Full PDB file with SEQRES, HELIX, SHEET, SSBOND, CRYST1, ORIGX, SCALE, CONECT and MASTER records, all heavy atoms in Angstrom:
SEQRES   1 A   37  PHE ARG SER ASP GLY PHE TYR LEU TYR ILE ASN ASN SER          
SEQRES   2 A   37  HIS GLU MET PRO ARG PHE GLU ARG ASP TYR ARG LEU ILE          
SEQRES   3 A   37  ALA LEU HIS GLU LEU PHE HIS VAL TYR GLN LEU                  
HELIX    1 AA1 GLU A   20  GLN A   36  1                                  17    
CRYST1    1.000    1.000    1.000  90.00  90.00  90.00 P 1           1          
ORIGX1      1.000000  0.000000  0.000000        0.00000                         
ORIGX2      0.000000  1.000000  0.000000        0.00000                         
ORIGX3      0.000000  0.000000  1.000000        0.00000                         
SCALE1      1.000000  0.000000  0.000000        0.00000                         
SCALE2      0.000000  1.000000  0.000000        0.00000                         
SCALE3      0.000000  0.000000  1.000000        0.00000                         
ATOM      1  N   PHE A   1      -4.363 325.056 296.830  1.00  0.00           N  
ATOM      2  CA  PHE A   1      -3.458 324.336 297.798  1.00  0.00           C  
ATOM      3  C   PHE A   1      -1.958 324.243 297.370  1.00  0.00           C  
ATOM      4  O   PHE A   1      -1.093 324.507 298.173  1.00  0.00           O  
ATOM      5  CB  PHE A   1      -4.011 322.924 298.047  1.00  0.00           C  
ATOM      6  CG  PHE A   1      -3.217 322.138 299.064  1.00  0.00           C  
ATOM      7  CD1 PHE A   1      -3.460 322.202 300.370  1.00  0.00           C  
ATOM      8  CD2 PHE A   1      -2.170 321.294 298.619  1.00  0.00           C  
ATOM      9  CE1 PHE A   1      -2.723 321.472 301.328  1.00  0.00           C  
ATOM     10  CE2 PHE A   1      -1.433 320.559 299.534  1.00  0.00           C  
ATOM     11  CZ  PHE A   1      -1.723 320.637 300.874  1.00  0.00           C  
ATOM     12  N   ARG A   2      -1.741 324.008 296.038  1.00  0.00           N  
ATOM     13  CA  ARG A   2      -0.395 323.781 295.670  1.00  0.00           C  
ATOM     14  C   ARG A   2       0.410 325.047 295.654  1.00  0.00           C  
ATOM     15  O   ARG A   2       1.606 325.079 296.033  1.00  0.00           O  
ATOM     16  CB  ARG A   2      -0.304 323.159 294.181  1.00  0.00           C  
ATOM     17  CG  ARG A   2      -0.335 321.705 294.198  1.00  0.00           C  
ATOM     18  CD  ARG A   2      -0.455 321.106 292.785  1.00  0.00           C  
ATOM     19  NE  ARG A   2      -1.590 321.666 292.128  1.00  0.00           N  
ATOM     20  CZ  ARG A   2      -2.792 321.181 292.364  1.00  0.00           C  
ATOM     21  NH1 ARG A   2      -3.026 320.269 293.235  1.00  0.00           N  
ATOM     22  NH2 ARG A   2      -3.801 321.699 291.682  1.00  0.00           N  
ATOM     23  N   SER A   3      -0.092 326.201 295.463  1.00  0.00           N  
ATOM     24  CA  SER A   3       0.631 327.438 295.427  1.00  0.00           C  
ATOM     25  C   SER A   3       0.593 328.168 296.812  1.00  0.00           C  
ATOM     26  O   SER A   3       1.562 328.793 297.179  1.00  0.00           O  
ATOM     27  CB  SER A   3       0.102 328.397 294.344  1.00  0.00           C  
ATOM     28  OG  SER A   3      -1.293 328.736 294.611  1.00  0.00           O  
ATOM     29  N   ASP A   4      -0.467 327.967 297.548  1.00  0.00           N  
ATOM     30  CA  ASP A   4      -0.642 328.689 298.778  1.00  0.00           C  
ATOM     31  C   ASP A   4      -0.592 327.915 300.032  1.00  0.00           C  
ATOM     32  O   ASP A   4      -0.473 328.443 301.122  1.00  0.00           O  
ATOM     33  CB  ASP A   4      -1.972 329.506 298.697  1.00  0.00           C  
ATOM     34  CG  ASP A   4      -1.998 330.534 297.568  1.00  0.00           C  
ATOM     35  OD1 ASP A   4      -0.953 330.918 297.153  1.00  0.00           O  
ATOM     36  OD2 ASP A   4      -3.083 330.867 297.143  1.00  0.00           O  
ATOM     37  N   GLY A   5      -0.819 326.595 299.940  1.00  0.00           N  
ATOM     38  CA  GLY A   5      -0.876 325.736 301.025  1.00  0.00           C  
ATOM     39  C   GLY A   5      -2.253 325.578 301.694  1.00  0.00           C  
ATOM     40  O   GLY A   5      -2.439 324.971 302.732  1.00  0.00           O  
ATOM     41  N   PHE A   6      -3.355 326.108 301.031  1.00  0.00           N  
ATOM     42  CA  PHE A   6      -4.662 325.996 301.473  1.00  0.00           C  
ATOM     43  C   PHE A   6      -5.586 326.403 300.341  1.00  0.00           C  
ATOM     44  O   PHE A   6      -5.194 326.971 299.298  1.00  0.00           O  
ATOM     45  CB  PHE A   6      -4.867 327.011 302.649  1.00  0.00           C  
ATOM     46  CG  PHE A   6      -4.537 328.393 302.351  1.00  0.00           C  
ATOM     47  CD1 PHE A   6      -5.596 329.288 301.856  1.00  0.00           C  
ATOM     48  CD2 PHE A   6      -3.226 328.910 302.507  1.00  0.00           C  
ATOM     49  CE1 PHE A   6      -5.295 330.565 301.520  1.00  0.00           C  
ATOM     50  CE2 PHE A   6      -2.970 330.263 302.143  1.00  0.00           C  
ATOM     51  CZ  PHE A   6      -3.995 331.140 301.740  1.00  0.00           C  
ATOM     52  N   TYR A   7      -6.855 326.127 300.529  1.00  0.00           N  
ATOM     53  CA  TYR A   7      -7.932 326.585 299.644  1.00  0.00           C  
ATOM     54  C   TYR A   7      -8.753 327.651 300.360  1.00  0.00           C  
ATOM     55  O   TYR A   7      -8.912 327.579 301.548  1.00  0.00           O  
ATOM     56  CB  TYR A   7      -8.923 325.500 299.257  1.00  0.00           C  
ATOM     57  CG  TYR A   7      -8.341 324.371 298.545  1.00  0.00           C  
ATOM     58  CD1 TYR A   7      -8.034 323.205 299.153  1.00  0.00           C  
ATOM     59  CD2 TYR A   7      -8.081 324.427 297.129  1.00  0.00           C  
ATOM     60  CE1 TYR A   7      -7.459 322.058 298.489  1.00  0.00           C  
ATOM     61  CE2 TYR A   7      -7.520 323.380 296.440  1.00  0.00           C  
ATOM     62  CZ  TYR A   7      -7.172 322.190 297.084  1.00  0.00           C  
ATOM     63  OH  TYR A   7      -6.676 321.138 296.421  1.00  0.00           O  
ATOM     64  N   LEU A   8      -9.071 328.702 299.648  1.00  0.00           N  
ATOM     65  CA  LEU A   8      -9.973 329.765 300.193  1.00  0.00           C  
ATOM     66  C   LEU A   8     -11.281 329.711 299.337  1.00  0.00           C  
ATOM     67  O   LEU A   8     -11.224 329.941 298.178  1.00  0.00           O  
ATOM     68  CB  LEU A   8      -9.357 331.118 300.121  1.00  0.00           C  
ATOM     69  CG  LEU A   8     -10.296 332.315 300.358  1.00  0.00           C  
ATOM     70  CD1 LEU A   8     -10.818 332.217 301.768  1.00  0.00           C  
ATOM     71  CD2 LEU A   8      -9.620 333.651 300.104  1.00  0.00           C  
ATOM     72  N   TYR A   9     -12.314 329.473 300.018  1.00  0.00           N  
ATOM     73  CA  TYR A   9     -13.683 329.579 299.396  1.00  0.00           C  
ATOM     74  C   TYR A   9     -14.363 330.803 299.917  1.00  0.00           C  
ATOM     75  O   TYR A   9     -14.686 330.877 301.105  1.00  0.00           O  
ATOM     76  CB  TYR A   9     -14.470 328.289 299.649  1.00  0.00           C  
ATOM     77  CG  TYR A   9     -15.953 328.361 299.476  1.00  0.00           C  
ATOM     78  CD1 TYR A   9     -16.543 329.172 298.446  1.00  0.00           C  
ATOM     79  CD2 TYR A   9     -16.811 327.602 300.241  1.00  0.00           C  
ATOM     80  CE1 TYR A   9     -17.877 329.243 298.253  1.00  0.00           C  
ATOM     81  CE2 TYR A   9     -18.210 327.663 300.022  1.00  0.00           C  
ATOM     82  CZ  TYR A   9     -18.778 328.482 299.035  1.00  0.00           C  
ATOM     83  OH  TYR A   9     -20.056 328.506 298.793  1.00  0.00           O  
ATOM     84  N   ILE A  10     -14.585 331.761 299.085  1.00  0.00           N  
ATOM     85  CA  ILE A  10     -15.316 333.003 299.473  1.00  0.00           C  
ATOM     86  C   ILE A  10     -16.833 332.711 299.097  1.00  0.00           C  
ATOM     87  O   ILE A  10     -17.081 332.399 298.020  1.00  0.00           O  
ATOM     88  CB  ILE A  10     -14.768 334.218 298.699  1.00  0.00           C  
ATOM     89  CG1 ILE A  10     -13.354 334.525 299.101  1.00  0.00           C  
ATOM     90  CG2 ILE A  10     -15.724 335.421 298.945  1.00  0.00           C  
ATOM     91  CD1 ILE A  10     -12.736 335.672 298.391  1.00  0.00           C  
ATOM     92  N   ASN A  11     -17.665 332.936 300.126  1.00  0.00           N  
ATOM     93  CA  ASN A  11     -19.061 332.813 299.890  1.00  0.00           C  
ATOM     94  C   ASN A  11     -19.774 334.170 300.133  1.00  0.00           C  
ATOM     95  O   ASN A  11     -19.609 334.767 301.190  1.00  0.00           O  
ATOM     96  CB  ASN A  11     -19.699 331.834 300.873  1.00  0.00           C  
ATOM     97  CG  ASN A  11     -21.189 331.659 300.654  1.00  0.00           C  
ATOM     98  OD1 ASN A  11     -21.621 330.851 299.799  1.00  0.00           O  
ATOM     99  ND2 ASN A  11     -22.020 332.354 301.400  1.00  0.00           N  
ATOM    100  N   ASN A  12     -20.375 334.627 299.066  1.00  0.00           N  
ATOM    101  CA  ASN A  12     -21.064 335.910 299.048  1.00  0.00           C  
ATOM    102  C   ASN A  12     -22.481 335.687 299.457  1.00  0.00           C  
ATOM    103  O   ASN A  12     -23.215 334.966 298.798  1.00  0.00           O  
ATOM    104  CB  ASN A  12     -20.967 336.556 297.694  1.00  0.00           C  
ATOM    105  CG  ASN A  12     -21.645 337.896 297.584  1.00  0.00           C  
ATOM    106  OD1 ASN A  12     -22.676 338.082 298.161  1.00  0.00           O  
ATOM    107  ND2 ASN A  12     -21.067 338.771 296.830  1.00  0.00           N  
ATOM    108  N   SER A  13     -22.978 336.231 300.581  1.00  0.00           N  
ATOM    109  CA  SER A  13     -24.294 335.954 301.147  1.00  0.00           C  
ATOM    110  C   SER A  13     -25.443 336.438 300.254  1.00  0.00           C  
ATOM    111  O   SER A  13     -25.288 337.352 299.461  1.00  0.00           O  
ATOM    112  CB  SER A  13     -24.386 336.535 302.515  1.00  0.00           C  
ATOM    113  OG  SER A  13     -24.616 337.918 302.421  1.00  0.00           O  
ATOM    114  N   HIS A  14     -26.545 335.794 300.433  1.00  0.00           N  
ATOM    115  CA  HIS A  14     -27.786 336.103 299.695  1.00  0.00           C  
ATOM    116  C   HIS A  14     -28.818 336.285 300.709  1.00  0.00           C  
ATOM    117  O   HIS A  14     -28.711 335.865 301.829  1.00  0.00           O  
ATOM    118  CB  HIS A  14     -28.129 334.972 298.705  1.00  0.00           C  
ATOM    119  CG  HIS A  14     -27.130 334.696 297.676  1.00  0.00           C  
ATOM    120  ND1 HIS A  14     -25.896 334.095 297.909  1.00  0.00           N  
ATOM    121  CD2 HIS A  14     -27.154 334.966 296.341  1.00  0.00           C  
ATOM    122  CE1 HIS A  14     -25.227 334.048 296.768  1.00  0.00           C  
ATOM    123  NE2 HIS A  14     -25.940 334.509 295.877  1.00  0.00           N  
ATOM    124  N   GLU A  15     -29.910 336.969 300.306  1.00  0.00           N  
ATOM    125  CA  GLU A  15     -31.039 337.160 301.166  1.00  0.00           C  
ATOM    126  C   GLU A  15     -31.676 335.842 301.508  1.00  0.00           C  
ATOM    127  O   GLU A  15     -31.974 335.048 300.563  1.00  0.00           O  
ATOM    128  CB  GLU A  15     -32.028 338.137 300.541  1.00  0.00           C  
ATOM    129  CG  GLU A  15     -31.525 339.517 300.206  1.00  0.00           C  
ATOM    130  CD  GLU A  15     -32.533 340.243 299.338  1.00  0.00           C  
ATOM    131  OE1 GLU A  15     -33.785 340.099 299.590  1.00  0.00           O  
ATOM    132  OE2 GLU A  15     -32.111 341.043 298.442  1.00  0.00           O  
ATOM    133  N   MET A  16     -31.856 335.506 302.765  1.00  0.00           N  
ATOM    134  CA  MET A  16     -32.516 334.316 303.205  1.00  0.00           C  
ATOM    135  C   MET A  16     -33.936 334.659 303.596  1.00  0.00           C  
ATOM    136  O   MET A  16     -34.150 335.756 304.144  1.00  0.00           O  
ATOM    137  CB  MET A  16     -31.779 333.706 304.339  1.00  0.00           C  
ATOM    138  CG  MET A  16     -30.450 333.085 303.923  1.00  0.00           C  
ATOM    139  SD  MET A  16     -30.646 331.513 303.101  1.00  0.00           S  
ATOM    140  CE  MET A  16     -31.134 330.478 304.466  1.00  0.00           C  
ATOM    141  N   PRO A  17     -34.888 333.827 303.367  1.00  0.00           N  
ATOM    142  CA  PRO A  17     -34.795 332.544 302.619  1.00  0.00           C  
ATOM    143  C   PRO A  17     -34.893 332.668 301.080  1.00  0.00           C  
ATOM    144  O   PRO A  17     -34.934 331.673 300.419  1.00  0.00           O  
ATOM    145  CB  PRO A  17     -35.956 331.729 303.194  1.00  0.00           C  
ATOM    146  CG  PRO A  17     -37.026 332.784 303.396  1.00  0.00           C  
ATOM    147  CD  PRO A  17     -36.288 334.023 303.847  1.00  0.00           C  
ATOM    148  N   ARG A  18     -35.035 333.894 300.572  1.00  0.00           N  
ATOM    149  CA  ARG A  18     -35.316 334.043 299.162  1.00  0.00           C  
ATOM    150  C   ARG A  18     -34.304 333.330 298.299  1.00  0.00           C  
ATOM    151  O   ARG A  18     -34.596 332.725 297.297  1.00  0.00           O  
ATOM    152  CB  ARG A  18     -35.351 335.541 298.816  1.00  0.00           C  
ATOM    153  CG  ARG A  18     -35.590 335.863 297.402  1.00  0.00           C  
ATOM    154  CD  ARG A  18     -35.447 337.313 297.163  1.00  0.00           C  
ATOM    155  NE  ARG A  18     -35.641 337.725 295.721  1.00  0.00           N  
ATOM    156  CZ  ARG A  18     -35.312 338.904 295.257  1.00  0.00           C  
ATOM    157  NH1 ARG A  18     -34.944 339.863 296.037  1.00  0.00           N  
ATOM    158  NH2 ARG A  18     -35.444 339.129 293.974  1.00  0.00           N  
ATOM    159  N   PHE A  19     -32.978 333.397 298.725  1.00  0.00           N  
ATOM    160  CA  PHE A  19     -31.964 332.840 297.833  1.00  0.00           C  
ATOM    161  C   PHE A  19     -31.299 331.637 298.431  1.00  0.00           C  
ATOM    162  O   PHE A  19     -30.125 331.322 298.153  1.00  0.00           O  
ATOM    163  CB  PHE A  19     -30.915 333.876 297.583  1.00  0.00           C  
ATOM    164  CG  PHE A  19     -31.359 335.012 296.650  1.00  0.00           C  
ATOM    165  CD1 PHE A  19     -31.541 336.311 297.148  1.00  0.00           C  
ATOM    166  CD2 PHE A  19     -31.680 334.717 295.324  1.00  0.00           C  
ATOM    167  CE1 PHE A  19     -31.937 337.290 296.329  1.00  0.00           C  
ATOM    168  CE2 PHE A  19     -32.154 335.820 294.526  1.00  0.00           C  
ATOM    169  CZ  PHE A  19     -32.305 337.118 295.041  1.00  0.00           C  
ATOM    170  N   GLU A  20     -32.074 330.844 299.219  1.00  0.00           N  
ATOM    171  CA  GLU A  20     -31.472 329.642 299.900  1.00  0.00           C  
ATOM    172  C   GLU A  20     -31.023 328.706 298.814  1.00  0.00           C  
ATOM    173  O   GLU A  20     -29.953 328.073 298.913  1.00  0.00           O  
ATOM    174  CB  GLU A  20     -32.539 328.962 300.774  1.00  0.00           C  
ATOM    175  CG  GLU A  20     -32.048 327.736 301.407  1.00  0.00           C  
ATOM    176  CD  GLU A  20     -33.143 327.040 302.276  1.00  0.00           C  
ATOM    177  OE1 GLU A  20     -34.075 327.744 302.680  1.00  0.00           O  
ATOM    178  OE2 GLU A  20     -32.951 325.818 302.541  1.00  0.00           O  
ATOM    179  N   ARG A  21     -31.751 328.587 297.741  1.00  0.00           N  
ATOM    180  CA  ARG A  21     -31.379 327.621 296.677  1.00  0.00           C  
ATOM    181  C   ARG A  21     -29.979 328.080 296.151  1.00  0.00           C  
ATOM    182  O   ARG A  21     -29.114 327.140 295.930  1.00  0.00           O  
ATOM    183  CB  ARG A  21     -32.392 327.739 295.500  1.00  0.00           C  
ATOM    184  CG  ARG A  21     -31.934 327.053 294.158  1.00  0.00           C  
ATOM    185  CD  ARG A  21     -33.010 327.370 293.140  1.00  0.00           C  
ATOM    186  NE  ARG A  21     -32.614 326.923 291.860  1.00  0.00           N  
ATOM    187  CZ  ARG A  21     -31.910 327.685 290.962  1.00  0.00           C  
ATOM    188  NH1 ARG A  21     -31.543 328.916 291.329  1.00  0.00           N  
ATOM    189  NH2 ARG A  21     -31.580 327.207 289.763  1.00  0.00           N  
ATOM    190  N   ASP A  22     -29.699 329.369 295.955  1.00  0.00           N  
ATOM    191  CA  ASP A  22     -28.452 329.773 295.378  1.00  0.00           C  
ATOM    192  C   ASP A  22     -27.314 329.460 296.360  1.00  0.00           C  
ATOM    193  O   ASP A  22     -26.238 328.954 295.916  1.00  0.00           O  
ATOM    194  CB  ASP A  22     -28.488 331.240 295.133  1.00  0.00           C  
ATOM    195  CG  ASP A  22     -29.352 331.674 293.990  1.00  0.00           C  
ATOM    196  OD1 ASP A  22     -29.918 330.724 293.348  1.00  0.00           O  
ATOM    197  OD2 ASP A  22     -29.441 332.853 293.654  1.00  0.00           O  
ATOM    198  N   TYR A  23     -27.567 329.675 297.617  1.00  0.00           N  
ATOM    199  CA  TYR A  23     -26.563 329.336 298.644  1.00  0.00           C  
ATOM    200  C   TYR A  23     -26.124 327.863 298.503  1.00  0.00           C  
ATOM    201  O   TYR A  23     -24.940 327.568 298.565  1.00  0.00           O  
ATOM    202  CB  TYR A  23     -27.200 329.497 300.041  1.00  0.00           C  
ATOM    203  CG  TYR A  23     -26.623 330.647 300.855  1.00  0.00           C  
ATOM    204  CD1 TYR A  23     -27.459 331.695 301.239  1.00  0.00           C  
ATOM    205  CD2 TYR A  23     -25.317 330.640 301.234  1.00  0.00           C  
ATOM    206  CE1 TYR A  23     -26.994 332.735 302.046  1.00  0.00           C  
ATOM    207  CE2 TYR A  23     -24.846 331.666 302.053  1.00  0.00           C  
ATOM    208  CZ  TYR A  23     -25.671 332.690 302.440  1.00  0.00           C  
ATOM    209  OH  TYR A  23     -25.168 333.737 303.188  1.00  0.00           O  
ATOM    210  N   ARG A  24     -27.111 326.980 298.383  1.00  0.00           N  
ATOM    211  CA  ARG A  24     -26.858 325.611 298.419  1.00  0.00           C  
ATOM    212  C   ARG A  24     -26.069 325.168 297.120  1.00  0.00           C  
ATOM    213  O   ARG A  24     -25.054 324.481 297.190  1.00  0.00           O  
ATOM    214  CB  ARG A  24     -28.055 324.807 298.583  1.00  0.00           C  
ATOM    215  CG  ARG A  24     -28.722 324.995 299.926  1.00  0.00           C  
ATOM    216  CD  ARG A  24     -30.017 324.143 300.134  1.00  0.00           C  
ATOM    217  NE  ARG A  24     -30.691 324.423 301.333  1.00  0.00           N  
ATOM    218  CZ  ARG A  24     -30.333 323.755 302.488  1.00  0.00           C  
ATOM    219  NH1 ARG A  24     -29.342 322.874 302.474  1.00  0.00           N  
ATOM    220  NH2 ARG A  24     -30.965 324.008 303.591  1.00  0.00           N  
ATOM    221  N   LEU A  25     -26.598 325.530 295.918  1.00  0.00           N  
ATOM    222  CA  LEU A  25     -25.926 324.987 294.719  1.00  0.00           C  
ATOM    223  C   LEU A  25     -24.707 325.719 294.473  1.00  0.00           C  
ATOM    224  O   LEU A  25     -23.789 325.037 293.911  1.00  0.00           O  
ATOM    225  CB  LEU A  25     -26.964 325.156 293.585  1.00  0.00           C  
ATOM    226  CG  LEU A  25     -27.408 326.441 293.071  1.00  0.00           C  
ATOM    227  CD1 LEU A  25     -26.462 327.039 292.034  1.00  0.00           C  
ATOM    228  CD2 LEU A  25     -28.843 326.368 292.407  1.00  0.00           C  
ATOM    229  N   ILE A  26     -24.444 326.937 294.847  1.00  0.00           N  
ATOM    230  CA  ILE A  26     -23.145 327.562 294.623  1.00  0.00           C  
ATOM    231  C   ILE A  26     -22.102 326.874 295.507  1.00  0.00           C  
ATOM    232  O   ILE A  26     -20.970 326.689 295.057  1.00  0.00           O  
ATOM    233  CB  ILE A  26     -23.250 329.121 294.952  1.00  0.00           C  
ATOM    234  CG1 ILE A  26     -24.108 329.749 293.798  1.00  0.00           C  
ATOM    235  CG2 ILE A  26     -21.820 329.710 294.979  1.00  0.00           C  
ATOM    236  CD1 ILE A  26     -24.408 331.242 294.064  1.00  0.00           C  
ATOM    237  N   ALA A  27     -22.412 326.600 296.738  1.00  0.00           N  
ATOM    238  CA  ALA A  27     -21.467 325.853 297.610  1.00  0.00           C  
ATOM    239  C   ALA A  27     -21.087 324.452 296.980  1.00  0.00           C  
ATOM    240  O   ALA A  27     -19.927 324.154 296.936  1.00  0.00           O  
ATOM    241  CB  ALA A  27     -22.097 325.660 299.015  1.00  0.00           C  
ATOM    242  N   LEU A  28     -22.093 323.810 296.490  1.00  0.00           N  
ATOM    243  CA  LEU A  28     -21.797 322.526 295.777  1.00  0.00           C  
ATOM    244  C   LEU A  28     -20.892 322.721 294.499  1.00  0.00           C  
ATOM    245  O   LEU A  28     -20.021 321.891 294.275  1.00  0.00           O  
ATOM    246  CB  LEU A  28     -23.122 321.807 295.414  1.00  0.00           C  
ATOM    247  CG  LEU A  28     -23.924 321.298 296.587  1.00  0.00           C  
ATOM    248  CD1 LEU A  28     -25.331 320.883 296.139  1.00  0.00           C  
ATOM    249  CD2 LEU A  28     -23.213 320.206 297.341  1.00  0.00           C  
ATOM    250  N   HIS A  29     -21.180 323.767 293.837  1.00  0.00           N  
ATOM    251  CA  HIS A  29     -20.348 324.078 292.648  1.00  0.00           C  
ATOM    252  C   HIS A  29     -18.891 324.395 293.071  1.00  0.00           C  
ATOM    253  O   HIS A  29     -17.959 323.845 292.567  1.00  0.00           O  
ATOM    254  CB  HIS A  29     -20.909 325.397 291.940  1.00  0.00           C  
ATOM    255  CG  HIS A  29     -20.097 325.905 290.827  1.00  0.00           C  
ATOM    256  ND1 HIS A  29     -20.722 326.076 289.551  1.00  0.00           N  
ATOM    257  CD2 HIS A  29     -18.888 326.382 290.759  1.00  0.00           C  
ATOM    258  CE1 HIS A  29     -19.853 326.594 288.791  1.00  0.00           C  
ATOM    259  NE2 HIS A  29     -18.694 326.813 289.456  1.00  0.00           N  
ATOM    260  N   GLU A  30     -18.709 325.315 293.981  1.00  0.00           N  
ATOM    261  CA  GLU A  30     -17.344 325.747 294.389  1.00  0.00           C  
ATOM    262  C   GLU A  30     -16.586 324.591 295.008  1.00  0.00           C  
ATOM    263  O   GLU A  30     -15.385 324.440 294.737  1.00  0.00           O  
ATOM    264  CB  GLU A  30     -17.379 326.931 295.294  1.00  0.00           C  
ATOM    265  CG  GLU A  30     -18.048 328.191 294.691  1.00  0.00           C  
ATOM    266  CD  GLU A  30     -17.320 328.714 293.484  1.00  0.00           C  
ATOM    267  OE1 GLU A  30     -16.212 328.207 293.153  1.00  0.00           O  
ATOM    268  OE2 GLU A  30     -17.932 329.580 292.772  1.00  0.00           O  
ATOM    269  N   LEU A  31     -17.195 323.787 295.820  1.00  0.00           N  
ATOM    270  CA  LEU A  31     -16.508 322.648 296.479  1.00  0.00           C  
ATOM    271  C   LEU A  31     -16.197 321.562 295.546  1.00  0.00           C  
ATOM    272  O   LEU A  31     -15.261 320.812 295.719  1.00  0.00           O  
ATOM    273  CB  LEU A  31     -17.296 322.200 297.667  1.00  0.00           C  
ATOM    274  CG  LEU A  31     -17.356 323.243 298.766  1.00  0.00           C  
ATOM    275  CD1 LEU A  31     -18.375 322.881 299.896  1.00  0.00           C  
ATOM    276  CD2 LEU A  31     -15.948 323.407 299.433  1.00  0.00           C  
ATOM    277  N   PHE A  32     -16.962 321.495 294.400  1.00  0.00           N  
ATOM    278  CA  PHE A  32     -16.510 320.580 293.375  1.00  0.00           C  
ATOM    279  C   PHE A  32     -15.210 320.982 292.736  1.00  0.00           C  
ATOM    280  O   PHE A  32     -14.397 320.130 292.348  1.00  0.00           O  
ATOM    281  CB  PHE A  32     -17.586 320.405 292.274  1.00  0.00           C  
ATOM    282  CG  PHE A  32     -17.332 319.365 291.252  1.00  0.00           C  
ATOM    283  CD1 PHE A  32     -17.513 318.088 291.497  1.00  0.00           C  
ATOM    284  CD2 PHE A  32     -16.819 319.728 289.967  1.00  0.00           C  
ATOM    285  CE1 PHE A  32     -17.203 317.043 290.567  1.00  0.00           C  
ATOM    286  CE2 PHE A  32     -16.534 318.784 288.974  1.00  0.00           C  
ATOM    287  CZ  PHE A  32     -16.730 317.404 289.314  1.00  0.00           C  
ATOM    288  N   HIS A  33     -14.948 322.276 292.676  1.00  0.00           N  
ATOM    289  CA  HIS A  33     -13.656 322.798 292.237  1.00  0.00           C  
ATOM    290  C   HIS A  33     -12.483 322.274 293.093  1.00  0.00           C  
ATOM    291  O   HIS A  33     -11.415 321.954 292.663  1.00  0.00           O  
ATOM    292  CB  HIS A  33     -13.660 324.315 292.115  1.00  0.00           C  
ATOM    293  CG  HIS A  33     -14.330 324.808 290.981  1.00  0.00           C  
ATOM    294  ND1 HIS A  33     -14.257 324.313 289.624  1.00  0.00           N  
ATOM    295  CD2 HIS A  33     -15.243 325.924 290.855  1.00  0.00           C  
ATOM    296  CE1 HIS A  33     -15.004 325.039 288.832  1.00  0.00           C  
ATOM    297  NE2 HIS A  33     -15.541 326.010 289.468  1.00  0.00           N  
ATOM    298  N   VAL A  34     -12.758 322.325 294.439  1.00  0.00           N  
ATOM    299  CA  VAL A  34     -11.744 321.776 295.374  1.00  0.00           C  
ATOM    300  C   VAL A  34     -11.461 320.303 295.073  1.00  0.00           C  
ATOM    301  O   VAL A  34     -10.334 319.891 295.043  1.00  0.00           O  
ATOM    302  CB  VAL A  34     -12.240 321.946 296.851  1.00  0.00           C  
ATOM    303  CG1 VAL A  34     -11.221 321.289 297.758  1.00  0.00           C  
ATOM    304  CG2 VAL A  34     -12.370 323.426 297.182  1.00  0.00           C  
ATOM    305  N   TYR A  35     -12.558 319.574 294.803  1.00  0.00           N  
ATOM    306  CA  TYR A  35     -12.429 318.183 294.394  1.00  0.00           C  
ATOM    307  C   TYR A  35     -11.511 318.021 293.111  1.00  0.00           C  
ATOM    308  O   TYR A  35     -10.632 317.208 293.101  1.00  0.00           O  
ATOM    309  CB  TYR A  35     -13.731 317.474 294.217  1.00  0.00           C  
ATOM    310  CG  TYR A  35     -13.650 316.086 293.575  1.00  0.00           C  
ATOM    311  CD1 TYR A  35     -13.251 315.020 294.338  1.00  0.00           C  
ATOM    312  CD2 TYR A  35     -13.884 315.974 292.263  1.00  0.00           C  
ATOM    313  CE1 TYR A  35     -13.152 313.749 293.842  1.00  0.00           C  
ATOM    314  CE2 TYR A  35     -13.768 314.666 291.671  1.00  0.00           C  
ATOM    315  CZ  TYR A  35     -13.352 313.544 292.411  1.00  0.00           C  
ATOM    316  OH  TYR A  35     -13.212 312.304 291.891  1.00  0.00           O  
ATOM    317  N   GLN A  36     -11.858 318.791 292.079  1.00  0.00           N  
ATOM    318  CA  GLN A  36     -11.072 318.778 290.887  1.00  0.00           C  
ATOM    319  C   GLN A  36      -9.623 319.060 291.131  1.00  0.00           C  
ATOM    320  O   GLN A  36      -8.751 318.285 290.669  1.00  0.00           O  
ATOM    321  CB  GLN A  36     -11.586 319.850 289.896  1.00  0.00           C  
ATOM    322  CG  GLN A  36     -13.049 319.581 289.325  1.00  0.00           C  
ATOM    323  CD  GLN A  36     -13.570 320.798 288.593  1.00  0.00           C  
ATOM    324  OE1 GLN A  36     -13.360 321.941 289.033  1.00  0.00           O  
ATOM    325  NE2 GLN A  36     -14.145 320.502 287.435  1.00  0.00           N  
ATOM    326  N   LEU A  37      -9.325 320.157 291.885  1.00  0.00           N  
ATOM    327  CA  LEU A  37      -7.956 320.524 292.119  1.00  0.00           C  
ATOM    328  C   LEU A  37      -7.145 319.479 292.970  1.00  0.00           C  
ATOM    329  O   LEU A  37      -5.976 319.372 292.836  1.00  0.00           O  
ATOM    330  CB  LEU A  37      -7.932 321.903 292.778  1.00  0.00           C  
ATOM    331  CG  LEU A  37      -8.402 323.084 291.905  1.00  0.00           C  
ATOM    332  CD1 LEU A  37      -8.646 324.306 292.801  1.00  0.00           C  
ATOM    333  CD2 LEU A  37      -7.432 323.382 290.781  1.00  0.00           C  
TER     334      LEU A  37                                                      
MASTER        0    0    0    1    0    0    0    6  333    1    0    3          
END                                                                             
């Protein structure tokens, strides 16, 4: 946000439902970075 004026979160898709767990926990991981920043 400070350098660009926004956050960009890129989400790389996984096979559903096989990787549903990964989808969920990776989103929580990356959005914690937004909280940190």
